[in-house]
Amino acid sequence: MSRRRTLLGVGEVLAWWAVLALLWLVFISAVNTLELVVGASAALIGACAAWGARRAVNGW
């Protein structure tokens, strides 16, 4: 894997994570430390899944 592909993959996962984490924060009722940790973790899992799904569909 080239360095450019690695950076693009990391950038894509970070973009997905930011969007999903923002959605999590919008939809929860109380923002506390536990909610932030759970939301960030769930967003990271979702971001990795979205990246993998896009990679599988495009044959990257």
C-alpha atoms as a PDB file:
ATOM      1  CA  MET A   1       0.000   0.000   0.000  1.00  0.00           C
ATOM      2  CA  SER A   2       1.451   3.354  -0.973  1.00  0.00           C
ATOM      3  CA  ARG A   3       1.787   6.252   1.397  1.00  0.00           C
ATOM      4  CA  ARG A   4      -0.799   8.255  -0.577  1.00  0.00           C
ATOM      5  CA  ARG A   5      -3.387   5.479  -0.306  1.00  0.00           C
ATOM      6  CA  THR A   6      -2.715   5.161   3.401  1.00  0.00           C
ATOM      7  CA  LEU A   7      -3.223   8.890   3.935  1.00  0.00           C
ATOM      8  CA  LEU A   8      -6.396   8.873   1.847  1.00  0.00           C
ATOM      9  CA  GLY A   9      -7.740   5.926   3.841  1.00  0.00           C
ATOM     10  CA  VAL A  10      -6.950   7.590   7.167  1.00  0.00           C
ATOM     11  CA  GLY A  11      -8.494  10.840   5.946  1.00  0.00           C
ATOM     12  CA  GLU A  12     -11.644   9.057   4.850  1.00  0.00           C
ATOM     13  CA  VAL A  13     -12.006   7.243   8.166  1.00  0.00           C
ATOM     14  CA  LEU A  14     -11.499  10.537  10.034  1.00  0.00           C
ATOM     15  CA  ALA A  15     -14.125  12.239   7.876  1.00  0.00           C
ATOM     16  CA  TRP A  16     -16.624   9.435   8.492  1.00  0.00           C
ATOM     17  CA  TRP A  17     -15.798   9.494  12.197  1.00  0.00           C
ATOM     18  CA  ALA A  18     -16.392  13.244  12.424  1.00  0.00           C
ATOM     19  CA  VAL A  19     -19.764  13.012  10.685  1.00  0.00           C
ATOM     20  CA  LEU A  20     -20.941  10.041  12.747  1.00  0.00           C
ATOM     21  CA  ALA A  21     -19.714  11.535  16.027  1.00  0.00           C
ATOM     22  CA  LEU A  22     -21.509  14.793  15.242  1.00  0.00           C
ATOM     23  CA  LEU A  23     -24.726  12.893  14.519  1.00  0.00           C
ATOM     24  CA  TRP A  24     -24.349  11.026  17.798  1.00  0.00           C
ATOM     25  CA  LEU A  25     -23.974  14.290  19.706  1.00  0.00           C
ATOM     26  CA  VAL A  26     -27.017  15.782  17.970  1.00  0.00           C
ATOM     27  CA  PHE A  27     -29.271  12.861  18.859  1.00  0.00           C
ATOM     28  CA  ILE A  28     -28.337  12.243  22.499  1.00  0.00           C
ATOM     29  CA  SER A  29     -30.113  14.077  25.263  1.00  0.00           C
ATOM     30  CA  ALA A  30     -27.342  14.453  27.835  1.00  0.00           C
ATOM     31  CA  VAL A  31     -23.705  15.028  27.019  1.00  0.00           C
ATOM     32  CA  ASN A  32     -21.410  13.593  29.671  1.00  0.00           C
ATOM     33  CA  THR A  33     -18.089  11.773  29.630  1.00  0.00           C
ATOM     34  CA  LEU A  34     -19.552   8.302  29.240  1.00  0.00           C
ATOM     35  CA  GLU A  35     -21.743   9.400  26.329  1.00  0.00           C
ATOM     36  CA  LEU A  36     -18.742  10.997  24.620  1.00  0.00           C
ATOM     37  CA  VAL A  37     -16.661   7.828  24.979  1.00  0.00           C
ATOM     38  CA  VAL A  38     -19.463   5.582  23.752  1.00  0.00           C
ATOM     39  CA  GLY A  39     -20.295   7.932  20.887  1.00  0.00           C
ATOM     40  CA  ALA A  40     -16.680   8.255  19.772  1.00  0.00           C
ATOM     41  CA  SER A  41     -16.221   4.482  19.910  1.00  0.00           C
ATOM     42  CA  ALA A  42     -19.412   3.768  17.990  1.00  0.00           C
ATOM     43  CA  ALA A  43     -18.516   6.423  15.427  1.00  0.00           C
ATOM     44  CA  LEU A  44     -15.066   4.871  14.946  1.00  0.00           C
ATOM     45  CA  ILE A  45     -16.559   1.421  14.397  1.00  0.00           C
ATOM     46  CA  GLY A  46     -19.063   2.863  11.930  1.00  0.00           C
ATOM     47  CA  ALA A  47     -16.349   4.827  10.135  1.00  0.00           C
ATOM     48  CA  CYS A  48     -14.193   1.726   9.706  1.00  0.00           C
ATOM     49  CA  ALA A  49     -17.201  -0.237   8.457  1.00  0.00           C
ATOM     50  CA  ALA A  50     -18.103   2.507   5.961  1.00  0.00           C
ATOM     51  CA  TRP A  51     -14.523   2.674   4.705  1.00  0.00           C
ATOM     52  CA  GLY A  52     -14.355  -1.102   4.326  1.00  0.00           C
ATOM     53  CA  ALA A  53     -17.707  -1.245   2.548  1.00  0.00           C
ATOM     54  CA  ARG A  54     -16.687   1.474   0.104  1.00  0.00           C
ATOM     55  CA  ARG A  55     -13.375  -0.244  -0.472  1.00  0.00           C
ATOM     56  CA  ALA A  56     -15.141  -3.563  -1.155  1.00  0.00           C
ATOM     57  CA  VAL A  57     -17.625  -2.008  -3.576  1.00  0.00           C
ATOM     58  CA  ASN A  58     -14.990  -0.053  -5.509  1.00  0.00           C
ATOM     59  CA  GLY A  59     -12.478  -2.876  -5.525  1.00  0.00           C
ATOM     60  CA  TRP A  60      -9.766  -0.657  -4.070  1.00  0.00           C
END
